[in-house]
C-alpha atoms as a PDB file:
ATOM      1  CA  MET A   1      11.027  -4.046 -16.283  1.00  0.00           C
ATOM      2  CA  ARG A   2      13.335  -1.512 -14.580  1.00  0.00           C
ATOM      3  CA  ALA A   3      11.298   1.470 -13.092  1.00  0.00           C
ATOM      4  CA  ARG A   4      12.677   5.022 -13.703  1.00  0.00           C
ATOM      5  CA  SER A   5      13.562   7.159 -11.168  1.00  0.00           C
ATOM      6  CA  HIS A   6      11.301   7.367  -8.300  1.00  0.00           C
ATOM      7  CA  ALA A   7      12.675  11.416  -7.375  1.00  0.00           C
ATOM      8  CA  PRO A   8       9.776  13.064  -5.952  1.00  0.00           C
ATOM      9  CA  ILE A   9       7.818  15.260  -7.694  1.00  0.00           C
ATOM     10  CA  GLY A  10       5.506  17.219  -4.947  1.00  0.00           C
ATOM     11  CA  LEU A  11       3.206  16.971  -2.634  1.00  0.00           C
ATOM     12  CA  ILE A  12      -0.387  16.610  -3.524  1.00  0.00           C
ATOM     13  CA  ARG A  13      -2.662  19.701  -1.953  1.00  0.00           C
ATOM     14  CA  ARG A  14      -5.252  18.139  -0.018  1.00  0.00           C
ATOM     15  CA  SER A  15      -8.054  20.723  -1.248  1.00  0.00           C
ATOM     16  CA  ASP A  16      -7.007  18.541  -4.795  1.00  0.00           C
ATOM     17  CA  VAL A  17     -10.684  16.730  -4.796  1.00  0.00           C
ATOM     18  CA  ALA A  18     -12.074  17.419  -8.124  1.00  0.00           C
ATOM     19  CA  GLY A  19     -11.137  16.058 -11.378  1.00  0.00           C
ATOM     20  CA  PRO A  20     -10.030  13.007 -13.474  1.00  0.00           C
ATOM     21  CA  PRO A  21      -9.296  10.333 -11.304  1.00  0.00           C
ATOM     22  CA  ASP A  22      -5.508   9.677  -9.025  1.00  0.00           C
ATOM     23  CA  LEU A  23      -3.074   6.953  -9.737  1.00  0.00           C
ATOM     24  CA  TYR A  24      -2.270   5.667  -6.271  1.00  0.00           C
ATOM     25  CA  ALA A  25       0.817   3.419  -5.394  1.00  0.00           C
ATOM     26  CA  ALA A  26      -0.274   0.359  -2.772  1.00  0.00           C
ATOM     27  CA  TYR A  27       2.304  -1.468  -0.845  1.00  0.00           C
ATOM     28  CA  GLY A  28       0.463  -2.740   2.654  1.00  0.00           C
ATOM     29  CA  SER A  29      -2.647  -4.096   3.487  1.00  0.00           C
ATOM     30  CA  ASN A  30      -4.409  -2.208   0.171  1.00  0.00           C
ATOM     31  CA  LEU A  31      -2.564  -4.608  -2.187  1.00  0.00           C
ATOM     32  CA  LEU A  32      -5.563  -6.887  -1.936  1.00  0.00           C
ATOM     33  CA  PRO A  33      -7.829  -5.219  -4.494  1.00  0.00           C
ATOM     34  CA  VAL A  34     -11.037  -6.215  -2.303  1.00  0.00           C
ATOM     35  CA  ARG A  35      -9.305  -4.787   0.820  1.00  0.00           C
ATOM     36  CA  LEU A  36      -8.702  -1.313  -1.132  1.00  0.00           C
ATOM     37  CA  GLN A  37     -11.918  -1.430  -3.246  1.00  0.00           C
ATOM     38  CA  ARG A  38     -14.082  -1.887   0.133  1.00  0.00           C
ATOM     39  CA  ARG A  39     -12.484   1.632   1.232  1.00  0.00           C
ATOM     40  CA  THR A  40     -12.775   3.594  -1.945  1.00  0.00           C
ATOM     41  CA  PRO A  41     -15.070   1.482  -4.796  1.00  0.00           C
ATOM     42  CA  SER A  42     -13.762   3.926  -7.549  1.00  0.00           C
ATOM     43  CA  ALA A  43     -10.436   1.731  -7.196  1.00  0.00           C
ATOM     44  CA  ARG A  44      -8.810   0.431 -10.353  1.00  0.00           C
ATOM     45  CA  PHE A  45      -5.618  -2.032 -10.928  1.00  0.00           C
ATOM     46  CA  LEU A  46      -3.582  -0.716 -13.588  1.00  0.00           C
ATOM     47  CA  GLY A  47      -0.348  -2.551 -12.592  1.00  0.00           C
ATOM     48  CA  CYS A  48       2.848  -2.908 -10.664  1.00  0.00           C
ATOM     49  CA  ALA A  49       5.659  -1.469 -10.792  1.00  0.00           C
ATOM     50  CA  ALA A  50       9.049  -1.452  -9.014  1.00  0.00           C
ATOM     51  CA  LEU A  51      10.373   1.579  -6.978  1.00  0.00           C
ATOM     52  CA  PRO A  52      13.886   1.864  -6.180  1.00  0.00           C
ATOM     53  CA  GLY A  53      15.552   3.211  -3.122  1.00  0.00           C
ATOM     54  CA  HIS A  54      12.806   1.749  -0.490  1.00  0.00           C
ATOM     55  CA  GLN A  55      12.150  -1.219   1.461  1.00  0.00           C
ATOM     56  CA  LEU A  56       8.762  -2.265   2.958  1.00  0.00           C
ATOM     57  CA  ALA A  57       9.318  -2.501   6.474  1.00  0.00           C
ATOM     58  CA  PHE A  58       6.861  -2.745   9.709  1.00  0.00           C
ATOM     59  CA  GLY A  59       6.862  -0.492  12.677  1.00  0.00           C
ATOM     60  CA  LYS A  60       4.889   2.785  11.203  1.00  0.00           C
ATOM     61  CA  ARG A  61       2.282   3.357  14.699  1.00  0.00           C
ATOM     62  CA  GLY A  62      -1.051   2.580  13.777  1.00  0.00           C
ATOM     63  CA  GLN A  63      -4.392   3.412  15.055  1.00  0.00           C
ATOM     64  CA  ASP A  64      -4.788   0.258  16.963  1.00  0.00           C
ATOM     65  CA  GLY A  65      -1.250   0.622  18.606  1.00  0.00           C
ATOM     66  CA  SER A  66       0.645  -2.106  16.135  1.00  0.00           C
ATOM     67  CA  GLY A  67       3.081  -1.852  13.827  1.00  0.00           C
ATOM     68  CA  LYS A  68       1.709  -1.048   9.866  1.00  0.00           C
ATOM     69  CA  CYS A  69       3.495  -1.035   6.683  1.00  0.00           C
ATOM     70  CA  TRP A  70       5.895   2.188   5.679  1.00  0.00           C
ATOM     71  CA  LEU A  71       8.354   2.477   2.899  1.00  0.00           C
ATOM     72  CA  ARG A  72      12.173   2.690   4.613  1.00  0.00           C
ATOM     73  CA  ARG A  73      14.462   4.570   2.145  1.00  0.00           C
ATOM     74  CA  ASP A  74      17.035   2.620   1.127  1.00  0.00           C
ATOM     75  CA  ASP A  75      19.275   3.213  -1.971  1.00  0.00           C
ATOM     76  CA  THR A  76      20.238  -0.748  -1.935  1.00  0.00           C
ATOM     77  CA  ALA A  77      16.457  -1.517  -2.125  1.00  0.00           C
ATOM     78  CA  THR A  78      13.623  -2.152  -4.689  1.00  0.00           C
ATOM     79  CA  ALA A  79       9.845  -2.056  -3.002  1.00  0.00           C
ATOM     80  CA  GLN A  80       7.746  -3.343  -4.975  1.00  0.00           C
ATOM     81  CA  VAL A  81       4.142  -1.663  -5.354  1.00  0.00           C
ATOM     82  CA  ALA A  82       0.080  -2.101  -7.216  1.00  0.00           C
ATOM     83  CA  VAL A  83      -0.967   0.812  -9.081  1.00  0.00           C
ATOM     84  CA  PHE A  84      -4.453   1.806  -8.701  1.00  0.00           C
ATOM     85  CA  GLU A  85      -7.019   4.332 -10.910  1.00  0.00           C
ATOM     86  CA  VAL A  86      -8.852   6.261  -7.369  1.00  0.00           C
ATOM     87  CA  ALA A  87     -11.231   8.748  -8.298  1.00  0.00           C
ATOM     88  CA  ARG A  88     -10.334  12.059  -6.523  1.00  0.00           C
ATOM     89  CA  VAL A  89     -14.098  11.626  -4.620  1.00  0.00           C
ATOM     90  CA  ASP A  90     -12.760   7.733  -3.097  1.00  0.00           C
ATOM     91  CA  ARG A  91      -9.068   9.649  -2.767  1.00  0.00           C
ATOM     92  CA  GLN A  92     -10.228  11.459   1.003  1.00  0.00           C
ATOM     93  CA  ALA A  93     -11.904   8.231   2.224  1.00  0.00           C
ATOM     94  CA  LEU A  94      -8.571   6.723   1.294  1.00  0.00           C
ATOM     95  CA  ASP A  95      -6.692   9.694   3.219  1.00  0.00           C
ATOM     96  CA  ARG A  96      -8.899   8.835   6.390  1.00  0.00           C
ATOM     97  CA  PHE A  97      -8.295   5.263   6.545  1.00  0.00           C
ATOM     98  CA  GLU A  98      -4.682   5.688   5.921  1.00  0.00           C
ATOM     99  CA  GLY A  99      -4.021   8.757   8.345  1.00  0.00           C
ATOM    100  CA  LEU A 100      -2.986  11.607   6.200  1.00  0.00           C
ATOM    101  CA  GLY A 101      -1.561  13.844   8.828  1.00  0.00           C
ATOM    102  CA  ASP A 102      -1.504  11.271  11.639  1.00  0.00           C
ATOM    103  CA  GLY A 103       1.466   9.444  10.295  1.00  0.00           C
ATOM    104  CA  TYR A 104       1.035   9.477   6.564  1.00  0.00           C
ATOM    105  CA  GLU A 105       2.073  11.631   4.034  1.00  0.00           C
ATOM    106  CA  ARG A 106       1.463  11.677   0.593  1.00  0.00           C
ATOM    107  CA  GLU A 107       4.296  12.119  -1.999  1.00  0.00           C
ATOM    108  CA  LEU A 108       4.260  11.722  -5.747  1.00  0.00           C
ATOM    109  CA  VAL A 109       7.004   9.141  -7.092  1.00  0.00           C
ATOM    110  CA  ASP A 110       7.559   8.402 -10.966  1.00  0.00           C
ATOM    111  CA  LEU A 111       7.017   4.409 -11.785  1.00  0.00           C
ATOM    112  CA  GLN A 112       7.031   2.151 -14.815  1.00  0.00           C
ATOM    113  CA  LEU A 113       4.487  -0.376 -15.002  1.00  0.00           C
ATOM    114  CA  ALA A 114       5.799  -3.560 -15.265  1.00  0.00           C
ATOM    115  CA  ASP A 115       2.410  -5.825 -15.932  1.00  0.00           C
ATOM    116  CA  GLY A 116      -1.128  -5.153 -16.535  1.00  0.00           C
ATOM    117  CA  ARG A 117      -3.433  -2.875 -18.666  1.00  0.00           C
ATOM    118  CA  TRP A 118      -0.778   0.125 -18.970  1.00  0.00           C
ATOM    119  CA  GLN A 119       2.442  -2.151 -19.448  1.00  0.00           C
ATOM    120  CA  GLY A 120       5.434   0.185 -19.863  1.00  0.00           C
ATOM    121  CA  ARG A 121       3.435   3.234 -19.087  1.00  0.00           C
ATOM    122  CA  ARG A 122       6.014   5.893 -17.112  1.00  0.00           C
ATOM    123  CA  VAL A 123       2.780   7.204 -14.482  1.00  0.00           C
ATOM    124  CA  SER A 124       3.359   9.598 -11.377  1.00  0.00           C
ATOM    125  CA  ALA A 125       1.390   8.038  -8.217  1.00  0.00           C
ATOM    126  CA  TYR A 126       1.105   9.513  -5.072  1.00  0.00           C
ATOM    127  CA  VAL A 127       2.128   6.763  -2.240  1.00  0.00           C
ATOM    128  CA  TYR A 128       1.806   7.011   1.714  1.00  0.00           C
ATOM    129  CA  MET A 129       5.027   7.973   3.177  1.00  0.00           C
ATOM    130  CA  ALA A 130       5.550   7.423   7.164  1.00  0.00           C
ATOM    131  CA  THR A 131       7.024  10.510   9.104  1.00  0.00           C
ATOM    132  CA  PRO A 132       9.838  10.188  11.458  1.00  0.00           C
ATOM    133  CA  SER A 133       7.644  10.428  14.300  1.00  0.00           C
ATOM    134  CA  ALA A 134       5.344   7.653  13.608  1.00  0.00           C
ATOM    135  CA  ILE A 135       8.209   5.081  12.914  1.00  0.00           C
ATOM    136  CA  ASP A 136       8.500   2.458  16.405  1.00  0.00           C
ATOM    137  CA  GLU A 137      10.304  -0.604  14.761  1.00  0.00           C
ATOM    138  CA  ALA A 138       9.720  -2.148  17.679  1.00  0.00           C
ATOM    139  CA  LEU A 139       5.669  -3.238  17.090  1.00  0.00           C
ATOM    140  CA  ARG A 140       4.623  -6.074  15.514  1.00  0.00           C
ATOM    141  CA  PRO A 141       1.971  -6.191  13.006  1.00  0.00           C
ATOM    142  CA  PHE A 142      -1.800  -7.685  14.162  1.00  0.00           C
ATOM    143  CA  ASP A 143      -1.651 -11.488  12.256  1.00  0.00           C
ATOM    144  CA  TRP A 144      -4.307 -10.682  10.384  1.00  0.00           C
ATOM    145  CA  TYR A 145      -2.768  -7.250   8.799  1.00  0.00           C
ATOM    146  CA  ARG A 146       0.631  -9.459   8.546  1.00  0.00           C
ATOM    147  CA  ASP A 147      -2.301 -12.011   6.649  1.00  0.00           C
ATOM    148  CA  LEU A 148      -4.041  -8.697   4.285  1.00  0.00           C
ATOM    149  CA  VAL A 149       0.323  -7.665   3.373  1.00  0.00           C
ATOM    150  CA  LEU A 150       0.889 -11.463   2.022  1.00  0.00           C
ATOM    151  CA  ALA A 151      -2.468 -12.212   0.279  1.00  0.00           C
ATOM    152  CA  GLY A 152      -1.674  -8.780  -1.675  1.00  0.00           C
ATOM    153  CA  ALA A 153       1.744  -9.879  -2.379  1.00  0.00           C
ATOM    154  CA  ARG A 154       1.023 -13.481  -3.666  1.00  0.00           C
ATOM    155  CA  HIS A 155      -2.342 -12.073  -5.636  1.00  0.00           C
ATOM    156  CA  HIS A 156       0.421  -9.515  -7.900  1.00  0.00           C
ATOM    157  CA  ARG A 157       2.975 -12.187  -7.686  1.00  0.00           C
ATOM    158  CA  PHE A 158       5.934 -10.364  -5.874  1.00  0.00           C
ATOM    159  CA  ALA A 159       8.964 -11.518  -5.708  1.00  0.00           C
ATOM    160  CA  THR A 160       9.116 -14.774  -4.225  1.00  0.00           C
ATOM    161  CA  SER A 161      11.586 -13.728  -1.233  1.00  0.00           C
ATOM    162  CA  LEU A 162       8.960 -10.660  -0.042  1.00  0.00           C
ATOM    163  CA  VAL A 163       6.587 -13.412  -0.299  1.00  0.00           C
ATOM    164  CA  ARG A 164       8.690 -15.959   1.975  1.00  0.00           C
ATOM    165  CA  TRP A 165       9.929 -12.724   4.555  1.00  0.00           C
ATOM    166  CA  LEU A 166       6.147 -11.846   4.350  1.00  0.00           C
ATOM    167  CA  GLY A 167       4.961 -15.371   5.952  1.00  0.00           C
ATOM    168  CA  GLY A 168       7.893 -15.659   8.473  1.00  0.00           C
ATOM    169  CA  LEU A 169       7.418 -11.759   9.989  1.00  0.00           C
ATOM    170  CA  PRO A 170       6.939 -12.478  14.137  1.00  0.00           C
ATOM    171  CA  VAL A 171       3.016 -10.933  14.432  1.00  0.00           C
ATOM    172  CA  ALA A 172       1.002 -10.120  17.626  1.00  0.00           C
ATOM    173  CA  ILE A 173      -2.174 -11.270  18.053  1.00  0.00           C
ATOM    174  CA  ASP A 174      -5.197  -8.576  18.271  1.00  0.00           C
ATOM    175  CA  ALA A 175      -7.451  -8.602  21.067  1.00  0.00           C
ATOM    176  CA  ASP A 176     -10.101  -7.007  19.236  1.00  0.00           C
ATOM    177  CA  ARG A 177     -12.037  -9.895  17.660  1.00  0.00           C
ATOM    178  CA  ALA A 178     -14.355  -7.814  15.488  1.00  0.00           C
ATOM    179  CA  ARG A 179     -11.404  -6.942  13.861  1.00  0.00           C
ATOM    180  CA  GLN A 180     -10.006  -9.811  13.057  1.00  0.00           C
ATOM    181  CA  LEU A 181     -13.270 -11.355  11.852  1.00  0.00           C
ATOM    182  CA  ALA A 182     -13.118  -8.209   9.656  1.00  0.00           C
ATOM    183  CA  ALA A 183     -10.159  -9.267   7.632  1.00  0.00           C
ATOM    184  CA  ARG A 184     -10.499 -12.938   7.786  1.00  0.00           C
ATOM    185  CA  ASP A 185     -14.025 -12.007   6.149  1.00  0.00           C
ATOM    186  CA  LEU A 186     -11.693 -10.498   3.351  1.00  0.00           C
ATOM    187  CA  LEU A 187      -9.066 -13.319   3.229  1.00  0.00           C
ATOM    188  CA  ALA A 188     -11.994 -15.424   2.542  1.00  0.00           C
ATOM    189  CA  GLY A 189     -13.307 -13.816  -0.220  1.00  0.00           C
ATOM    190  CA  PRO A 190     -12.511 -13.449  -4.120  1.00  0.00           C
ATOM    191  CA  PRO A 191      -9.104 -11.271  -4.034  1.00  0.00           C
ATOM    192  CA  ASP A 192     -10.158  -9.120  -6.730  1.00  0.00           C
ATOM    193  CA  LEU A 193     -13.486  -7.666  -7.626  1.00  0.00           C
ATOM    194  CA  HIS A 194     -12.591  -5.761 -10.920  1.00  0.00           C
ATOM    195  CA  GLY A 195     -11.027  -7.675 -13.021  1.00  0.00           C
END
């Protein structure tokens, strides 16, 4: 199912924390529901969608010095995302985890859900977009980070070509054993805590 135009609607105000849940479009390690729900317990999966005009890439400088996911603008490409409902109180925590204002900004995009409980519904969801100054395409992702993204892509049954590309991506080995073990713990557990 094709997503409708993805033209940005506008930025969400940081101070807007009360009220109904927000919709969040994940494309990196938060694709794996257990990863997202550990960060934001209110997260509930709604469905997957296509985001035209964007391509998944690695090379957004992470706080740990490795390459994280970002969405490169590309008129010939379409990125796959998973849309979650997140309580606004948890959005503040997600903003901290994602580094809002320090390499990522939030942008609203229009999407049409291709599956899940809201299949066919058009929604506006926020997505974290990398700022140009935070991009260094020479950076490689840590192996555990790439594996979280890969597990999330498999979980949501994203395109086989994307899964193959992720599996063959060059990675770096993280010297921080605690970070490695925490990620491996997530990968060893159930992928989806909320059905």
